Structure formats: C-alpha cells, structure tokens
Amino acid sequence: VRVVNLQNNNSILPIDAVLMAGGKGTGLRPLTDITPKPLLPIGGKPIIDFNIDRIIEYGIKNIYVTVNYLAEQIEEHFKF
C-alpha cells in the first residue's frame, strides 16, 4: 500500500523514464566543447535537472539516463 499526497505530485505514473543525454550539442558550441549540453546551467541549474525534477513531479521513480559524449561528467553529476 502506498499513500500519495497529490499536492506534492501532479500524478502518479506507473512507468519508467529514459532520458537521452548522449548528443554532442554541436549547435551550442563553443559552450559544449568541454561541458555536455545536459549540464549547461540555466539560472544556476543544469538543464538535465529541470527534466529530472519534472519527471519526479509525476511520480516516476525509475529514471534512466543514456550517455555518450562526455559521459563521465554526466555520470559524476548523478553520483550520490
């Protein structure tokens, strides 16, 4: 049994999410020469964190991130 407060969540979706974060972001060069696009900050917060926060708002618990370009930086970002 799980009790959910919908004032904190928009809904509860019984699905997993996959974020594709492996592109080179060539349209944002030179910003993406040393930083992958998902980690570029907007308002002091990495782009990918906005996506993760939104997914969590919908009650999705399992989030997978596929990586390629500068993958080690994205992996480091999510280490706990």
PDB file of N, CA and C in Angstrom:
ATOM      1  N   VAL A   1       0.853  -1.176   0.000  1.00  0.00           N
ATOM      2  CA  VAL A   1       0.000   0.000   0.000  1.00  0.00           C
ATOM      3  C   VAL A   1       0.893   1.230   0.000  1.00  0.00           C
ATOM      4  N   ARG A   2       0.479   2.211  -0.775  1.00  0.00           N
ATOM      5  CA  ARG A   2       1.247   3.446  -0.875  1.00  0.00           C
ATOM      6  C   ARG A   2       0.282   4.621  -0.773  1.00  0.00           C
ATOM      7  N   VAL A   3       0.582   5.546   0.100  1.00  0.00           N
ATOM      8  CA  VAL A   3      -0.232   6.746   0.252  1.00  0.00           C
ATOM      9  C   VAL A   3       0.475   7.882  -0.482  1.00  0.00           C
ATOM     10  N   VAL A   4      -0.276   8.581  -1.330  1.00  0.00           N
ATOM     11  CA  VAL A   4       0.304   9.626  -2.156  1.00  0.00           C
ATOM     12  C   VAL A   4      -0.416  10.939  -1.895  1.00  0.00           C
ATOM     13  N   ASN A   5       0.353  11.971  -1.628  1.00  0.00           N
ATOM     14  CA  ASN A   5      -0.184  13.319  -1.454  1.00  0.00           C
ATOM     15  C   ASN A   5      -0.090  14.026  -2.805  1.00  0.00           C
ATOM     16  N   LEU A   6      -1.215  14.205  -3.477  1.00  0.00           N
ATOM     17  CA  LEU A   6      -1.202  14.818  -4.807  1.00  0.00           C
ATOM     18  C   LEU A   6      -0.989  16.329  -4.766  1.00  0.00           C
ATOM     19  N   GLN A   7      -0.851  16.903  -3.577  1.00  0.00           N
ATOM     20  CA  GLN A   7      -0.444  18.309  -3.504  1.00  0.00           C
ATOM     21  C   GLN A   7       1.045  18.430  -3.798  1.00  0.00           C
ATOM     22  N   ASN A   8       1.791  17.349  -3.600  1.00  0.00           N
ATOM     23  CA  ASN A   8       3.229  17.349  -3.869  1.00  0.00           C
ATOM     24  C   ASN A   8       3.547  16.807  -5.257  1.00  0.00           C
ATOM     25  N   ASN A   9       2.661  16.007  -5.821  1.00  0.00           N
ATOM     26  CA  ASN A   9       2.879  15.394  -7.128  1.00  0.00           C
ATOM     27  C   ASN A   9       1.719  15.747  -8.042  1.00  0.00           C
ATOM     28  N   ASN A  10       2.000  15.884  -9.335  1.00  0.00           N
ATOM     29  CA  ASN A  10       0.943  16.154 -10.306  1.00  0.00           C
ATOM     30  C   ASN A  10       0.109  14.913 -10.575  1.00  0.00           C
ATOM     31  N   SER A  11       0.740  13.757 -10.529  1.00  0.00           N
ATOM     32  CA  SER A  11       0.065  12.480 -10.725  1.00  0.00           C
ATOM     33  C   SER A  11       1.036  11.384 -10.338  1.00  0.00           C
ATOM     34  N   ILE A  12       0.602  10.160 -10.482  1.00  0.00           N
ATOM     35  CA  ILE A  12       1.478   9.019 -10.257  1.00  0.00           C
ATOM     36  C   ILE A  12       1.412   8.145 -11.504  1.00  0.00           C
ATOM     37  N   LEU A  13       2.484   8.113 -12.246  1.00  0.00           N
ATOM     38  CA  LEU A  13       2.526   7.314 -13.466  1.00  0.00           C
ATOM     39  C   LEU A  13       3.337   6.050 -13.205  1.00  0.00           C
ATOM     40  N   PRO A  14       2.748   4.885 -13.429  1.00  0.00           N
ATOM     41  CA  PRO A  14       3.457   3.620 -13.158  1.00  0.00           C
ATOM     42  C   PRO A  14       4.360   3.212 -14.321  1.00  0.00           C
ATOM     43  N   ILE A  15       5.269   4.099 -14.693  1.00  0.00           N
ATOM     44  CA  ILE A  15       6.172   3.830 -15.805  1.00  0.00           C
ATOM     45  C   ILE A  15       7.585   4.220 -15.418  1.00  0.00           C
ATOM     46  N   ASP A  16       8.544   3.782 -16.221  1.00  0.00           N
ATOM     47  CA  ASP A  16       9.930   4.200 -16.087  1.00  0.00           C
ATOM     48  C   ASP A  16      10.189   5.286 -17.130  1.00  0.00           C
ATOM     49  N   ALA A  17      11.218   6.091 -16.901  1.00  0.00           N
ATOM     50  CA  ALA A  17      11.573   7.146 -17.850  1.00  0.00           C
ATOM     51  C   ALA A  17      13.002   6.941 -18.342  1.00  0.00           C
ATOM     52  N   VAL A  18      13.231   7.264 -19.604  1.00  0.00           N
ATOM     53  CA  VAL A  18      14.568   7.219 -20.193  1.00  0.00           C
ATOM     54  C   VAL A  18      14.865   8.593 -20.764  1.00  0.00           C
ATOM     55  N   LEU A  19      15.941   9.211 -20.285  1.00  0.00           N
ATOM     56  CA  LEU A  19      16.408  10.492 -20.824  1.00  0.00           C
ATOM     57  C   LEU A  19      17.613  10.218 -21.708  1.00  0.00           C
ATOM     58  N   MET A  20      17.535  10.677 -22.927  1.00  0.00           N
ATOM     59  CA  MET A  20      18.655  10.505 -23.839  1.00  0.00           C
ATOM     60  C   MET A  20      19.541  11.743 -23.748  1.00  0.00           C
ATOM     61  N   ALA A  21      20.748  11.561 -23.216  1.00  0.00           N
ATOM     62  CA  ALA A  21      21.650  12.687 -22.972  1.00  0.00           C
ATOM     63  C   ALA A  21      23.021  12.422 -23.590  1.00  0.00           C
ATOM     64  N   GLY A  22      23.047  11.845 -24.785  1.00  0.00           N
ATOM     65  CA  GLY A  22      24.320  11.445 -25.360  1.00  0.00           C
ATOM     66  C   GLY A  22      24.787  12.255 -26.547  1.00  0.00           C
ATOM     67  N   GLY A  23      24.025  13.264 -26.969  1.00  0.00           N
ATOM     68  CA  GLY A  23      24.423  14.042 -28.137  1.00  0.00           C
ATOM     69  C   GLY A  23      25.562  14.999 -27.847  1.00  0.00           C
ATOM     70  N   LYS A  24      26.174  15.488 -28.908  1.00  0.00           N
ATOM     71  CA  LYS A  24      27.318  16.394 -28.756  1.00  0.00           C
ATOM     72  C   LYS A  24      26.912  17.845 -28.563  1.00  0.00           C
ATOM     73  N   GLY A  25      25.680  18.203 -28.845  1.00  0.00           N
ATOM     74  CA  GLY A  25      25.248  19.582 -28.661  1.00  0.00           C
ATOM     75  C   GLY A  25      26.001  20.547 -29.556  1.00  0.00           C
ATOM     76  N   THR A  26      26.220  20.159 -30.809  1.00  0.00           N
ATOM     77  CA  THR A  26      27.043  20.978 -31.710  1.00  0.00           C
ATOM     78  C   THR A  26      26.447  22.356 -31.960  1.00  0.00           C
ATOM     79  N   GLY A  27      25.143  22.493 -31.841  1.00  0.00           N
ATOM     80  CA  GLY A  27      24.518  23.796 -32.049  1.00  0.00           C
ATOM     81  C   GLY A  27      24.844  24.805 -30.962  1.00  0.00           C
ATOM     82  N   LEU A  28      25.372  24.329 -29.857  1.00  0.00           N
ATOM     83  CA  LEU A  28      25.718  25.220 -28.745  1.00  0.00           C
ATOM     84  C   LEU A  28      27.226  25.393 -28.564  1.00  0.00           C
ATOM     85  N   ARG A  29      27.993  24.982 -29.572  1.00  0.00           N
ATOM     86  CA  ARG A  29      29.436  25.201 -29.472  1.00  0.00           C
ATOM     87  C   ARG A  29      29.724  26.684 -29.478  1.00  0.00           C
ATOM     88  N   PRO A  30      30.681  27.180 -28.753  1.00  0.00           N
ATOM     89  CA  PRO A  30      31.740  26.510 -28.016  1.00  0.00           C
ATOM     90  C   PRO A  30      31.361  26.101 -26.587  1.00  0.00           C
ATOM     91  N   LEU A  31      30.129  26.366 -26.151  1.00  0.00           N
ATOM     92  CA  LEU A  31      29.745  26.021 -24.778  1.00  0.00           C
ATOM     93  C   LEU A  31      29.862  24.527 -24.499  1.00  0.00           C
ATOM     94  N   THR A  32      29.617  23.707 -25.520  1.00  0.00           N
ATOM     95  CA  THR A  32      29.628  22.260 -25.318  1.00  0.00           C
ATOM     96  C   THR A  32      30.965  21.600 -25.648  1.00  0.00           C
ATOM     97  N   ASP A  33      31.989  22.395 -25.888  1.00  0.00           N
ATOM     98  CA  ASP A  33      33.309  21.809 -26.155  1.00  0.00           C
ATOM     99  C   ASP A  33      33.839  21.060 -24.938  1.00  0.00           C
ATOM    100  N   ILE A  34      33.586  21.573 -23.744  1.00  0.00           N
ATOM    101  CA  ILE A  34      34.108  20.919 -22.538  1.00  0.00           C
ATOM    102  C   ILE A  34      33.006  20.517 -21.552  1.00  0.00           C
ATOM    103  N   THR A  35      31.777  20.917 -21.827  1.00  0.00           N
ATOM    104  CA  THR A  35      30.651  20.592 -20.951  1.00  0.00           C
ATOM    105  C   THR A  35      29.533  20.001 -21.800  1.00  0.00           C
ATOM    106  N   PRO A  36      29.005  18.834 -21.435  1.00  0.00           N
ATOM    107  CA  PRO A  36      27.886  18.275 -22.204  1.00  0.00           C
ATOM    108  C   PRO A  36      26.639  19.144 -22.044  1.00  0.00           C
ATOM    109  N   LYS A  37      25.847  19.224 -23.098  1.00  0.00           N
ATOM    110  CA  LYS A  37      24.653  20.077 -23.094  1.00  0.00           C
ATOM    111  C   LYS A  37      23.748  19.848 -21.881  1.00  0.00           C
ATOM    112  N   PRO A  38      23.504  18.621 -21.443  1.00  0.00           N
ATOM    113  CA  PRO A  38      22.622  18.433 -20.281  1.00  0.00           C
ATOM    114  C   PRO A  38      23.125  19.105 -19.003  1.00  0.00           C
ATOM    115  N   LEU A  39      24.416  19.389 -18.931  1.00  0.00           N
ATOM    116  CA  LEU A  39      24.979  20.003 -17.727  1.00  0.00           C
ATOM    117  C   LEU A  39      25.185  21.512 -17.853  1.00  0.00           C
ATOM    118  N   LEU A  40      24.820  22.072 -18.996  1.00  0.00           N
ATOM    119  CA  LEU A  40      24.918  23.528 -19.126  1.00  0.00           C
ATOM    120  C   LEU A  40      23.914  24.172 -18.174  1.00  0.00           C
ATOM    121  N   PRO A  41      24.352  25.185 -17.446  1.00  0.00           N
ATOM    122  CA  PRO A  41      23.443  25.796 -16.463  1.00  0.00           C
ATOM    123  C   PRO A  41      22.492  26.817 -17.077  1.00  0.00           C
ATOM    124  N   ILE A  42      21.285  26.796 -16.576  1.00  0.00           N
ATOM    125  CA  ILE A  42      20.288  27.834 -16.872  1.00  0.00           C
ATOM    126  C   ILE A  42      19.789  28.300 -15.518  1.00  0.00           C
ATOM    127  N   GLY A  43      20.018  29.547 -15.212  1.00  0.00           N
ATOM    128  CA  GLY A  43      19.624  30.066 -13.902  1.00  0.00           C
ATOM    129  C   GLY A  43      20.335  29.354 -12.767  1.00  0.00           C
ATOM    130  N   GLY A  44      21.568  28.924 -13.001  1.00  0.00           N
ATOM    131  CA  GLY A  44      22.352  28.267 -11.960  1.00  0.00           C
ATOM    132  C   GLY A  44      22.046  26.792 -11.768  1.00  0.00           C
ATOM    133  N   LYS A  45      21.223  26.206 -12.645  1.00  0.00           N
ATOM    134  CA  LYS A  45      20.827  24.806 -12.503  1.00  0.00           C
ATOM    135  C   LYS A  45      21.044  24.088 -13.841  1.00  0.00           C
ATOM    136  N   PRO A  46      21.683  22.905 -13.831  1.00  0.00           N
ATOM    137  CA  PRO A  46      21.902  22.177 -15.089  1.00  0.00           C
ATOM    138  C   PRO A  46      20.583  21.834 -15.784  1.00  0.00           C
ATOM    139  N   ILE A  47      20.582  21.894 -17.097  1.00  0.00           N
ATOM    140  CA  ILE A  47      19.388  21.611 -17.896  1.00  0.00           C
ATOM    141  C   ILE A  47      18.764  20.280 -17.518  1.00  0.00           C
ATOM    142  N   ILE A  48      19.569  19.246 -17.360  1.00  0.00           N
ATOM    143  CA  ILE A  48      19.031  17.917 -17.086  1.00  0.00           C
ATOM    144  C   ILE A  48      18.282  17.863 -15.755  1.00  0.00           C
ATOM    145  N   ASP A  49      18.666  18.694 -14.808  1.00  0.00           N
ATOM    146  CA  ASP A  49      17.981  18.706 -13.507  1.00  0.00           C
ATOM    147  C   ASP A  49      16.545  19.210 -13.628  1.00  0.00           C
ATOM    148  N   PHE A  50      16.287  20.114 -14.564  1.00  0.00           N
ATOM    149  CA  PHE A  50      14.911  20.557 -14.808  1.00  0.00           C
ATOM    150  C   PHE A  50      14.066  19.376 -15.284  1.00  0.00           C
ATOM    151  N   ASN A  51      14.641  18.561 -16.180  1.00  0.00           N
ATOM    152  CA  ASN A  51      13.933  17.388 -16.692  1.00  0.00           C
ATOM    153  C   ASN A  51      13.678  16.364 -15.587  1.00  0.00           C
ATOM    154  N   ILE A  52      14.697  16.093 -14.797  1.00  0.00           N
ATOM    155  CA  ILE A  52      14.568  15.121 -13.704  1.00  0.00           C
ATOM    156  C   ILE A  52      13.505  15.582 -12.710  1.00  0.00           C
ATOM    157  N   ASP A  53      13.546  16.845 -12.328  1.00  0.00           N
ATOM    158  CA  ASP A  53      12.569  17.379 -11.376  1.00  0.00           C
ATOM    159  C   ASP A  53      11.147  17.226 -11.906  1.00  0.00           C
ATOM    160  N   ARG A  54      10.950  17.504 -13.177  1.00  0.00           N
ATOM    161  CA  ARG A  54       9.613  17.405 -13.780  1.00  0.00           C
ATOM    162  C   ARG A  54       9.129  15.959 -13.802  1.00  0.00           C
ATOM    163  N   ILE A  55      10.015  15.040 -14.122  1.00  0.00           N
ATOM    164  CA  ILE A  55       9.652  13.621 -14.132  1.00  0.00           C
ATOM    165  C   ILE A  55       9.250  13.168 -12.735  1.00  0.00           C
ATOM    166  N   ILE A  56       9.995  13.591 -11.735  1.00  0.00           N
ATOM    167  CA  ILE A  56       9.695  13.227 -10.349  1.00  0.00           C
ATOM    168  C   ILE A  56       8.339  13.786  -9.924  1.00  0.00           C
ATOM    169  N   GLU A  57       7.987  14.992 -10.398  1.00  0.00           N
ATOM    170  CA  GLU A  57       6.686  15.585 -10.072  1.00  0.00           C
ATOM    171  C   GLU A  57       5.521  14.696 -10.501  1.00  0.00           C
ATOM    172  N   TYR A  58       5.747  13.867 -11.505  1.00  0.00           N
ATOM    173  CA  TYR A  58       4.697  12.979 -11.998  1.00  0.00           C
ATOM    174  C   TYR A  58       4.782  11.584 -11.385  1.00  0.00           C
ATOM    175  N   GLY A  59       5.554  11.463 -10.326  1.00  0.00           N
ATOM    176  CA  GLY A  59       5.587  10.226  -9.561  1.00  0.00           C
ATOM    177  C   GLY A  59       6.388   9.104 -10.180  1.00  0.00           C
ATOM    178  N   ILE A  60       7.187   9.409 -11.169  1.00  0.00           N
ATOM    179  CA  ILE A  60       8.012   8.379 -11.794  1.00  0.00           C
ATOM    180  C   ILE A  60       9.243   8.163 -10.932  1.00  0.00           C
ATOM    181  N   LYS A  61       9.458   6.916 -10.540  1.00  0.00           N
ATOM    182  CA  LYS A  61      10.544   6.587  -9.614  1.00  0.00           C
ATOM    183  C   LYS A  61      11.823   6.128 -10.313  1.00  0.00           C
ATOM    184  N   ASN A  62      11.684   5.384 -11.406  1.00  0.00           N
ATOM    185  CA  ASN A  62      12.848   4.824 -12.091  1.00  0.00           C
ATOM    186  C   ASN A  62      13.184   5.669 -13.309  1.00  0.00           C
ATOM    187  N   ILE A  63      14.330   6.337 -13.248  1.00  0.00           N
ATOM    188  CA  ILE A  63      14.773   7.209 -14.330  1.00  0.00           C
ATOM    189  C   ILE A  63      16.133   6.724 -14.807  1.00  0.00           C
ATOM    190  N   TYR A  64      16.227   6.464 -16.110  1.00  0.00           N
ATOM    191  CA  TYR A  64      17.474   6.015 -16.709  1.00  0.00           C
ATOM    192  C   TYR A  64      17.975   7.104 -17.643  1.00  0.00           C
ATOM    193  N   VAL A  65      19.284   7.333 -17.641  1.00  0.00           N
ATOM    194  CA  VAL A  65      19.887   8.357 -18.491  1.00  0.00           C
ATOM    195  C   VAL A  65      20.895   7.677 -19.395  1.00  0.00           C
ATOM    196  N   THR A  66      20.687   7.783 -20.715  1.00  0.00           N
ATOM    197  CA  THR A  66      21.662   7.235 -21.655  1.00  0.00           C
ATOM    198  C   THR A  66      22.678   8.327 -21.965  1.00  0.00           C
ATOM    199  N   VAL A  67      23.940   7.944 -22.020  1.00  0.00           N
ATOM    200  CA  VAL A  67      25.013   8.923 -22.212  1.00  0.00           C
ATOM    201  C   VAL A  67      25.976   8.456 -23.286  1.00  0.00           C
ATOM    202  N   ASN A  68      26.736   9.396 -23.823  1.00  0.00           N
ATOM    203  CA  ASN A  68      27.788   9.093 -24.779  1.00  0.00           C
ATOM    204  C   ASN A  68      28.855  10.176 -24.691  1.00  0.00           C
ATOM    205  N   TYR A  69      28.593  11.346 -25.276  1.00  0.00           N
ATOM    206  CA  TYR A  69      29.563  12.432 -25.329  1.00  0.00           C
ATOM    207  C   TYR A  69      29.810  12.995 -23.927  1.00  0.00           C
ATOM    208  N   LEU A  70      31.073  12.994 -23.506  1.00  0.00           N
ATOM    209  CA  LEU A  70      31.477  13.485 -22.183  1.00  0.00           C
ATOM    210  C   LEU A  70      30.675  12.795 -21.066  1.00  0.00           C
ATOM    211  N   ALA A  71      30.437  11.507 -21.255  1.00  0.00           N
ATOM    212  CA  ALA A  71      29.603  10.711 -20.348  1.00  0.00           C
ATOM    213  C   ALA A  71      30.075  10.762 -18.905  1.00  0.00           C
ATOM    214  N   GLU A  72      31.377  10.788 -18.699  1.00  0.00           N
ATOM    215  CA  GLU A  72      31.902  10.757 -17.329  1.00  0.00           C
ATOM    216  C   GLU A  72      31.426  11.956 -16.510  1.00  0.00           C
ATOM    217  N   GLN A  73      31.232  13.114 -17.152  1.00  0.00           N
ATOM    218  CA  GLN A  73      30.739  14.289 -16.430  1.00  0.00           C
ATOM    219  C   GLN A  73      29.287  14.102 -15.994  1.00  0.00           C
ATOM    220  N   ILE A  74      28.477  13.519 -16.853  1.00  0.00           N
ATOM    221  CA  ILE A  74      27.068  13.284 -16.511  1.00  0.00           C
ATOM    222  C   ILE A  74      26.972  12.217 -15.422  1.00  0.00           C
ATOM    223  N   GLU A  75      27.774  11.169 -15.535  1.00  0.00           N
ATOM    224  CA  GLU A  75      27.789  10.126 -14.508  1.00  0.00           C
ATOM    225  C   GLU A  75      28.205  10.710 -13.164  1.00  0.00           C
ATOM    226  N   GLU A  76      29.200  11.568 -13.167  1.00  0.00           N
ATOM    227  CA  GLU A  76      29.670  12.204 -11.931  1.00  0.00           C
ATOM    228  C   GLU A  76      28.587  13.095 -11.324  1.00  0.00           C
ATOM    229  N   HIS A  77      27.839  13.770 -12.162  1.00  0.00           N
ATOM    230  CA  HIS A  77      26.762  14.648 -11.697  1.00  0.00           C
ATOM    231  C   HIS A  77      25.720  13.881 -10.881  1.00  0.00           C
ATOM    232  N   PHE A  78      25.465  12.632 -11.251  1.00  0.00           N
ATOM    233  CA  PHE A  78      24.430  11.849 -10.595  1.00  0.00           C
ATOM    234  C   PHE A  78      24.943  10.927  -9.494  1.00  0.00           C
ATOM    235  N   LYS A  79      26.225  10.952  -9.209  1.00  0.00           N
ATOM    236  CA  LYS A  79      26.753  10.123  -8.110  1.00  0.00           C
ATOM    237  C   LYS A  79      26.260  10.648  -6.782  1.00  0.00           C
ATOM    238  N   PHE A  80      25.916   9.751  -5.906  1.00  0.00           N
ATOM    239  CA  PHE A  80      25.463  10.118  -4.566  1.00  0.00           C
ATOM    240  C   PHE A  80      26.522   9.799  -3.557  1.00  0.00           C
TER     241      PHE A  80
END
